[in-house]
C-alpha atoms as a PDB file:
ATOM      1  CA  MET A   1      20.901  -9.123   9.219  1.00  0.00           C
ATOM      2  CA  GLU A   2      17.387  -8.700  10.363  1.00  0.00           C
ATOM      3  CA  ASN A   3      17.333  -4.875  10.245  1.00  0.00           C
ATOM      4  CA  GLU A   4      18.359  -5.184   6.293  1.00  0.00           C
ATOM      5  CA  LYS A   5      15.681  -7.583   5.730  1.00  0.00           C
ATOM      6  CA  TYR A   6      13.129  -5.039   7.288  1.00  0.00           C
ATOM      7  CA  ASP A   7      14.973  -2.203   5.222  1.00  0.00           C
ATOM      8  CA  ARG A   8      14.032  -4.021   2.010  1.00  0.00           C
ATOM      9  CA  ARG A   9      10.401  -4.567   3.201  1.00  0.00           C
ATOM     10  CA  TYR A  10       9.834  -1.159   4.233  1.00  0.00           C
ATOM     11  CA  ALA A  11      11.514   0.349   1.277  1.00  0.00           C
ATOM     12  CA  ARG A  12       8.765  -0.850  -1.031  1.00  0.00           C
ATOM     13  CA  ASP A  13       5.609   1.439  -1.873  1.00  0.00           C
ATOM     14  CA  GLY A  14       3.099   1.605   0.752  1.00  0.00           C
ATOM     15  CA  TYR A  15       3.280   0.291   4.244  1.00  0.00           C
ATOM     16  CA  TYR A  16       4.369  -3.323   4.836  1.00  0.00           C
ATOM     17  CA  TRP A  17       2.142  -3.689   7.823  1.00  0.00           C
ATOM     18  CA  GLY A  18      -0.664  -1.403   6.540  1.00  0.00           C
ATOM     19  CA  LEU A  19      -1.791   1.901   8.382  1.00  0.00           C
ATOM     20  CA  LYS A  20      -4.402   0.560  10.600  1.00  0.00           C
ATOM     21  CA  PRO A  21      -3.424   0.396  14.259  1.00  0.00           C
ATOM     22  CA  SER A  22      -3.426  -2.920  16.175  1.00  0.00           C
ATOM     23  CA  PRO A  23      -6.777  -3.798  17.699  1.00  0.00           C
ATOM     24  CA  ILE A  24      -5.138  -3.492  21.228  1.00  0.00           C
ATOM     25  CA  CYS A  25      -4.523   0.213  20.623  1.00  0.00           C
ATOM     26  CA  TYR A  26      -8.202   0.887  21.123  1.00  0.00           C
ATOM     27  CA  ARG A  27      -8.355  -1.055  24.269  1.00  0.00           C
ATOM     28  CA  VAL A  28      -5.496   0.972  25.916  1.00  0.00           C
ATOM     29  CA  LEU A  29      -7.304   4.235  24.905  1.00  0.00           C
ATOM     30  CA  GLN A  30     -10.352   2.895  26.609  1.00  0.00           C
ATOM     31  CA  LEU A  31      -8.414   1.830  29.896  1.00  0.00           C
ATOM     32  CA  MET A  32      -5.958   4.706  30.034  1.00  0.00           C
ATOM     33  CA  PRO A  33      -7.201   7.649  28.131  1.00  0.00           C
ATOM     34  CA  PRO A  34      -4.691  10.590  28.101  1.00  0.00           C
ATOM     35  CA  GLU A  35      -6.486  12.742  30.653  1.00  0.00           C
ATOM     36  CA  ARG A  36      -3.069  13.940  31.795  1.00  0.00           C
ATOM     37  CA  ASN A  37       0.413  13.834  30.166  1.00  0.00           C
ATOM     38  CA  LEU A  38       1.006   9.946  29.491  1.00  0.00           C
ATOM     39  CA  LYS A  39       4.468   8.754  28.338  1.00  0.00           C
ATOM     40  CA  LEU A  40       4.513   5.750  26.070  1.00  0.00           C
ATOM     41  CA  ILE A  41       7.149   3.872  24.397  1.00  0.00           C
ATOM     42  CA  ASP A  42       6.598   1.652  21.362  1.00  0.00           C
ATOM     43  CA  ILE A  43       9.251  -1.222  21.135  1.00  0.00           C
ATOM     44  CA  GLY A  44       9.866  -2.182  17.536  1.00  0.00           C
ATOM     45  CA  CYS A  45       7.658   0.245  16.072  1.00  0.00           C
ATOM     46  CA  GLY A  46       8.233  -0.605  12.464  1.00  0.00           C
ATOM     47  CA  GLU A  47       6.713   2.038  10.110  1.00  0.00           C
ATOM     48  CA  GLY A  48       4.878   3.739  12.994  1.00  0.00           C
ATOM     49  CA  ARG A  49       1.208   2.886  12.587  1.00  0.00           C
ATOM     50  CA  ASN A  50       0.695   2.358  16.309  1.00  0.00           C
ATOM     51  CA  ALA A  51       3.042   5.008  17.571  1.00  0.00           C
ATOM     52  CA  VAL A  52       1.199   7.601  15.285  1.00  0.00           C
ATOM     53  CA  PHE A  53      -2.280   6.492  16.628  1.00  0.00           C
ATOM     54  CA  PHE A  54      -1.245   7.035  20.124  1.00  0.00           C
ATOM     55  CA  ALA A  55       0.336  10.376  19.279  1.00  0.00           C
ATOM     56  CA  ARG A  56      -2.901  11.602  17.374  1.00  0.00           C
ATOM     57  CA  ASN A  57      -4.833  10.613  20.395  1.00  0.00           C
ATOM     58  CA  GLY A  58      -2.644  12.733  22.927  1.00  0.00           C
ATOM     59  CA  TYR A  59      -0.024  10.524  24.298  1.00  0.00           C
ATOM     60  CA  SER A  60       3.566  11.601  24.524  1.00  0.00           C
ATOM     61  CA  VAL A  61       5.178   8.955  22.442  1.00  0.00           C
ATOM     62  CA  THR A  62       8.693   7.621  21.962  1.00  0.00           C
ATOM     63  CA  ALA A  63       9.430   4.916  19.662  1.00  0.00           C
ATOM     64  CA  PHE A  64      12.315   2.806  18.270  1.00  0.00           C
ATOM     65  CA  ASP A  65      13.003   0.254  15.814  1.00  0.00           C
ATOM     66  CA  THR A  66      16.198  -1.526  14.345  1.00  0.00           C
ATOM     67  CA  SER A  67      15.429  -0.380  10.752  1.00  0.00           C
ATOM     68  CA  PRO A  68      16.351   3.106   9.779  1.00  0.00           C
ATOM     69  CA  VAL A  69      13.970   2.792   6.671  1.00  0.00           C
ATOM     70  CA  GLY A  70      11.073   1.982   8.749  1.00  0.00           C
ATOM     71  CA  LEU A  71      11.896   5.003  11.103  1.00  0.00           C
ATOM     72  CA  MET A  72      11.945   7.194   8.207  1.00  0.00           C
ATOM     73  CA  LYS A  73       8.600   6.115   7.055  1.00  0.00           C
ATOM     74  CA  ALA A  74       7.367   6.519  10.759  1.00  0.00           C
ATOM     75  CA  SER A  75       8.639  10.119  10.809  1.00  0.00           C
ATOM     76  CA  ARG A  76       6.957  10.871   7.423  1.00  0.00           C
ATOM     77  CA  LEU A  77       3.573   9.389   8.773  1.00  0.00           C
ATOM     78  CA  ALA A  78       3.837  11.417  12.026  1.00  0.00           C
ATOM     79  CA  ASP A  79       4.413  14.588   9.797  1.00  0.00           C
ATOM     80  CA  GLU A  80       1.470  13.865   7.780  1.00  0.00           C
ATOM     81  CA  ALA A  81      -0.666  13.322  10.860  1.00  0.00           C
ATOM     82  CA  GLY A  82       0.738  16.525  12.368  1.00  0.00           C
ATOM     83  CA  VAL A  83       2.170  15.029  15.434  1.00  0.00           C
ATOM     84  CA  LYS A  84       5.367  14.795  17.087  1.00  0.00           C
ATOM     85  CA  ILE A  85       7.051  11.313  17.960  1.00  0.00           C
ATOM     86  CA  ASP A  86      10.723  10.817  19.339  1.00  0.00           C
ATOM     87  CA  LEU A  87      12.055   8.202  17.352  1.00  0.00           C
ATOM     88  CA  PHE A  88      15.481   6.526  17.730  1.00  0.00           C
ATOM     89  CA  GLU A  89      17.175   3.437  16.078  1.00  0.00           C
ATOM     90  CA  GLY A  90      17.812   0.553  18.303  1.00  0.00           C
ATOM     91  CA  ASP A  91      17.585  -3.142  18.746  1.00  0.00           C
ATOM     92  CA  ILE A  92      15.210  -4.655  21.149  1.00  0.00           C
ATOM     93  CA  ASN A  93      17.981  -6.934  22.840  1.00  0.00           C
ATOM     94  CA  THR A  94      20.527  -4.081  23.426  1.00  0.00           C
ATOM     95  CA  VAL A  95      18.224  -1.118  24.274  1.00  0.00           C
ATOM     96  CA  ARG A  96      17.679  -0.416  28.017  1.00  0.00           C
ATOM     97  CA  LEU A  97      15.169   2.338  28.888  1.00  0.00           C
ATOM     98  CA  THR A  98      16.503   5.325  30.902  1.00  0.00           C
ATOM     99  CA  GLY A  99      13.264   6.959  31.860  1.00  0.00           C
ATOM    100  CA  LYS A 100      10.062   5.529  33.294  1.00  0.00           C
ATOM    101  CA  TYR A 101       6.961   5.223  31.319  1.00  0.00           C
ATOM    102  CA  ASP A 102       3.055   4.932  31.702  1.00  0.00           C
ATOM    103  CA  ILE A 103       2.652   2.613  29.074  1.00  0.00           C
ATOM    104  CA  ILE A 104       5.356   0.198  27.672  1.00  0.00           C
ATOM    105  CA  PHE A 105       4.054  -1.133  24.341  1.00  0.00           C
ATOM    106  CA  SER A 106       4.933  -3.826  21.710  1.00  0.00           C
ATOM    107  CA  THR A 107       3.246  -5.618  18.952  1.00  0.00           C
ATOM    108  CA  GLY A 108       5.171  -8.456  16.986  1.00  0.00           C
ATOM    109  CA  SER A 109       8.507  -7.582  18.137  1.00  0.00           C
ATOM    110  CA  LEU A 110       9.005  -9.782  21.467  1.00  0.00           C
ATOM    111  CA  GLN A 111       9.790 -12.983  19.303  1.00  0.00           C
ATOM    112  CA  TYR A 112      13.103 -11.569  18.751  1.00  0.00           C
ATOM    113  CA  ILE A 113      14.194 -11.806  22.464  1.00  0.00           C
ATOM    114  CA  PRO A 114      15.931 -15.119  23.030  1.00  0.00           C
ATOM    115  CA  PRO A 115      14.140 -17.286  25.685  1.00  0.00           C
ATOM    116  CA  ASP A 116      17.045 -17.180  28.060  1.00  0.00           C
ATOM    117  CA  GLN A 117      16.913 -13.386  28.147  1.00  0.00           C
ATOM    118  CA  ARG A 118      13.408 -12.828  28.475  1.00  0.00           C
ATOM    119  CA  HIS A 119      13.143 -12.924  32.234  1.00  0.00           C
ATOM    120  CA  SER A 120      15.712 -10.164  32.639  1.00  0.00           C
ATOM    121  CA  MET A 121      14.201  -8.239  29.806  1.00  0.00           C
ATOM    122  CA  PHE A 122      10.719  -8.166  31.385  1.00  0.00           C
ATOM    123  CA  VAL A 123      11.947  -7.220  34.892  1.00  0.00           C
ATOM    124  CA  HIS A 124      13.651  -4.232  33.075  1.00  0.00           C
ATOM    125  CA  TYR A 125      10.390  -3.091  31.470  1.00  0.00           C
ATOM    126  CA  GLN A 126       8.507  -3.551  34.517  1.00  0.00           C
ATOM    127  CA  GLU A 127      11.125  -1.622  36.465  1.00  0.00           C
ATOM    128  CA  GLN A 128      10.758   1.156  34.040  1.00  0.00           C
ATOM    129  CA  THR A 129       7.079   1.393  34.476  1.00  0.00           C
ATOM    130  CA  VAL A 130       5.315   3.686  36.855  1.00  0.00           C
ATOM    131  CA  PHE A 131       2.791   2.331  39.365  1.00  0.00           C
ATOM    132  CA  GLY A 132      -0.427   2.325  37.856  1.00  0.00           C
ATOM    133  CA  GLY A 133       1.102   2.023  34.361  1.00  0.00           C
ATOM    134  CA  PHE A 134       0.624  -0.679  31.826  1.00  0.00           C
ATOM    135  CA  ASN A 135       2.713  -3.073  29.973  1.00  0.00           C
ATOM    136  CA  VAL A 136       0.738  -3.908  26.704  1.00  0.00           C
ATOM    137  CA  HIS A 137       2.055  -6.933  24.455  1.00  0.00           C
ATOM    138  CA  SER A 138       0.824  -8.565  21.435  1.00  0.00           C
ATOM    139  CA  ILE A 139       2.774 -11.683  20.740  1.00  0.00           C
ATOM    140  CA  ILE A 140       2.529 -14.277  17.796  1.00  0.00           C
ATOM    141  CA  VAL A 141       2.300 -17.717  19.292  1.00  0.00           C
ATOM    142  CA  ARG A 142       2.885 -21.124  17.454  1.00  0.00           C
ATOM    143  CA  LYS A 143       0.048 -23.442  16.636  1.00  0.00           C
ATOM    144  CA  PRO A 144       0.526 -26.674  14.758  1.00  0.00           C
ATOM    145  CA  PHE A 145      -2.429 -26.132  12.523  1.00  0.00           C
ATOM    146  CA  ILE A 146      -1.222 -22.874  11.313  1.00  0.00           C
ATOM    147  CA  PRO A 147       1.672 -22.948   8.616  1.00  0.00           C
ATOM    148  CA  ARG A 148       4.517 -20.665   9.350  1.00  0.00           C
ATOM    149  CA  ALA A 149       4.263 -17.604   7.234  1.00  0.00           C
ATOM    150  CA  SER A 150       6.309 -17.145   3.966  1.00  0.00           C
ATOM    151  CA  ASP A 151       7.928 -14.198   5.290  1.00  0.00           C
ATOM    152  CA  ALA A 152       8.615 -15.452   8.828  1.00  0.00           C
ATOM    153  CA  GLU A 153      12.145 -14.779  10.027  1.00  0.00           C
ATOM    154  CA  LYS A 154      14.505 -17.564  10.956  1.00  0.00           C
ATOM    155  CA  SER A 155      15.786 -15.430  13.949  1.00  0.00           C
ATOM    156  CA  ALA A 156      12.351 -15.269  15.596  1.00  0.00           C
ATOM    157  CA  TYR A 157      12.093 -17.432  18.638  1.00  0.00           C
ATOM    158  CA  LYS A 158       9.105 -19.520  19.518  1.00  0.00           C
ATOM    159  CA  TRP A 159       6.381 -18.452  21.981  1.00  0.00           C
ATOM    160  CA  VAL A 160       3.497 -20.559  23.084  1.00  0.00           C
ATOM    161  CA  SER A 161      -0.040 -19.802  24.294  1.00  0.00           C
ATOM    162  CA  GLY A 162      -0.133 -18.219  27.765  1.00  0.00           C
ATOM    163  CA  GLU A 163       3.519 -18.069  28.196  1.00  0.00           C
ATOM    164  CA  ILE A 164       3.588 -14.280  28.447  1.00  0.00           C
ATOM    165  CA  LEU A 165       1.401 -14.637  31.759  1.00  0.00           C
ATOM    166  CA  LYS A 166       4.178 -16.102  33.665  1.00  0.00           C
ATOM    167  CA  TYR A 167       6.057 -12.843  33.562  1.00  0.00           C
ATOM    168  CA  TYR A 168       3.122 -10.687  34.922  1.00  0.00           C
ATOM    169  CA  HIS A 169       1.726 -13.201  37.708  1.00  0.00           C
ATOM    170  CA  GLU A 170       1.994 -10.291  40.393  1.00  0.00           C
ATOM    171  CA  TRP A 171       0.636  -7.636  38.205  1.00  0.00           C
ATOM    172  CA  LYS A 172      -3.263  -6.844  37.634  1.00  0.00           C
ATOM    173  CA  ILE A 173      -4.348  -8.366  34.324  1.00  0.00           C
ATOM    174  CA  GLU A 174      -6.648  -5.760  32.755  1.00  0.00           C
ATOM    175  CA  PHE A 175      -6.845  -7.658  29.458  1.00  0.00           C
ATOM    176  CA  ILE A 176      -5.855 -10.966  27.810  1.00  0.00           C
ATOM    177  CA  ASN A 177      -6.960 -12.930  24.913  1.00  0.00           C
ATOM    178  CA  GLU A 178      -5.897 -15.083  22.096  1.00  0.00           C
ATOM    179  CA  GLY A 179      -7.201 -15.008  18.570  1.00  0.00           C
ATOM    180  CA  ILE A 180      -6.229 -15.855  14.906  1.00  0.00           C
ATOM    181  CA  PHE A 181      -6.191 -13.283  12.323  1.00  0.00           C
ATOM    182  CA  ASP A 182      -5.813 -12.964   8.624  1.00  0.00           C
ATOM    183  CA  CYS A 183      -2.489 -11.329   7.503  1.00  0.00           C
ATOM    184  CA  ASN A 184      -1.415 -10.192   3.976  1.00  0.00           C
ATOM    185  CA  SER A 185       2.163  -9.000   4.885  1.00  0.00           C
ATOM    186  CA  GLY A 186       4.419  -9.705   2.024  1.00  0.00           C
ATOM    187  CA  GLY A 187       1.598 -10.040  -0.419  1.00  0.00           C
ATOM    188  CA  VAL A 188       0.905 -13.660   0.451  1.00  0.00           C
ATOM    189  CA  PRO A 189      -2.260 -14.186   2.525  1.00  0.00           C
ATOM    190  CA  HIS A 190      -1.769 -16.373   5.709  1.00  0.00           C
ATOM    191  CA  GLN A 191      -2.945 -16.359   9.384  1.00  0.00           C
ATOM    192  CA  HIS A 192      -1.179 -15.878  12.616  1.00  0.00           C
ATOM    193  CA  ALA A 193      -2.234 -16.870  16.221  1.00  0.00           C
ATOM    194  CA  ILE A 194      -1.617 -13.924  18.851  1.00  0.00           C
ATOM    195  CA  ASN A 195      -1.617 -13.321  22.360  1.00  0.00           C
ATOM    196  CA  ARG A 196      -2.758  -9.757  23.589  1.00  0.00           C
ATOM    197  CA  ILE A 197      -2.231  -8.816  27.211  1.00  0.00           C
ATOM    198  CA  ILE A 198      -2.514  -5.477  29.121  1.00  0.00           C
ATOM    199  CA  ALA A 199      -1.157  -5.766  32.631  1.00  0.00           C
ATOM    200  CA  ARG A 200      -1.159  -2.997  35.273  1.00  0.00           C
ATOM    201  CA  LYS A 201       1.540  -2.427  37.883  1.00  0.00           C
ATOM    202  CA  VAL A 202      -0.202  -1.992  41.070  1.00  0.00           C
ATOM    203  CA  ASP A 203       1.125  -0.839  44.497  1.00  0.00           C
ATOM    204  CA  GLY A 204       2.985  -3.626  46.296  1.00  0.00           C
ATOM    205  CA  VAL A 205       4.805  -4.897  43.304  1.00  0.00           C
ATOM    206  CA  GLU A 206       8.532  -4.347  43.628  1.00  0.00           C
END
């Protein structure tokens, strides 16, 4: 089971993904600073590096992950930072959001949604976003010239460059890019290609 695999990874000393937040976190902070109470949910928060970043910067943060070990480390990281995060255990394919959020955020977790379920999942996320709010995603995409990472999961599904845009064609695209970055997860240096998007829900969108 995937959560057991991540439990083993997160049980090691240190932080599997490191402590530095994803670069897109800083872009969110620039585009939607928490000048009022902003509710953010981190989907597949892992060990909490991004959730803690947002909480430290004044957002009201909820986060979930399938790994209880990851959640324990996220809780500890939040305590060390002196911030509060509402954490709960849940699978990306079964969790349905019950409240509305200003920011729905994910990084490196959407590859676990099967292709035939993506449309309905993104409709759900968009329905649970307030007008003027953001959906923020970082998605690993396949490139034929980049070998699969040694720690890549067999249960992850393929995304291709630009695919995420088709789910947000009615939204205002505040930021989008594609890049290749070096990664050392699992202790083996490798690379990933990643699409990053910040889309805003504007008036007129159902």
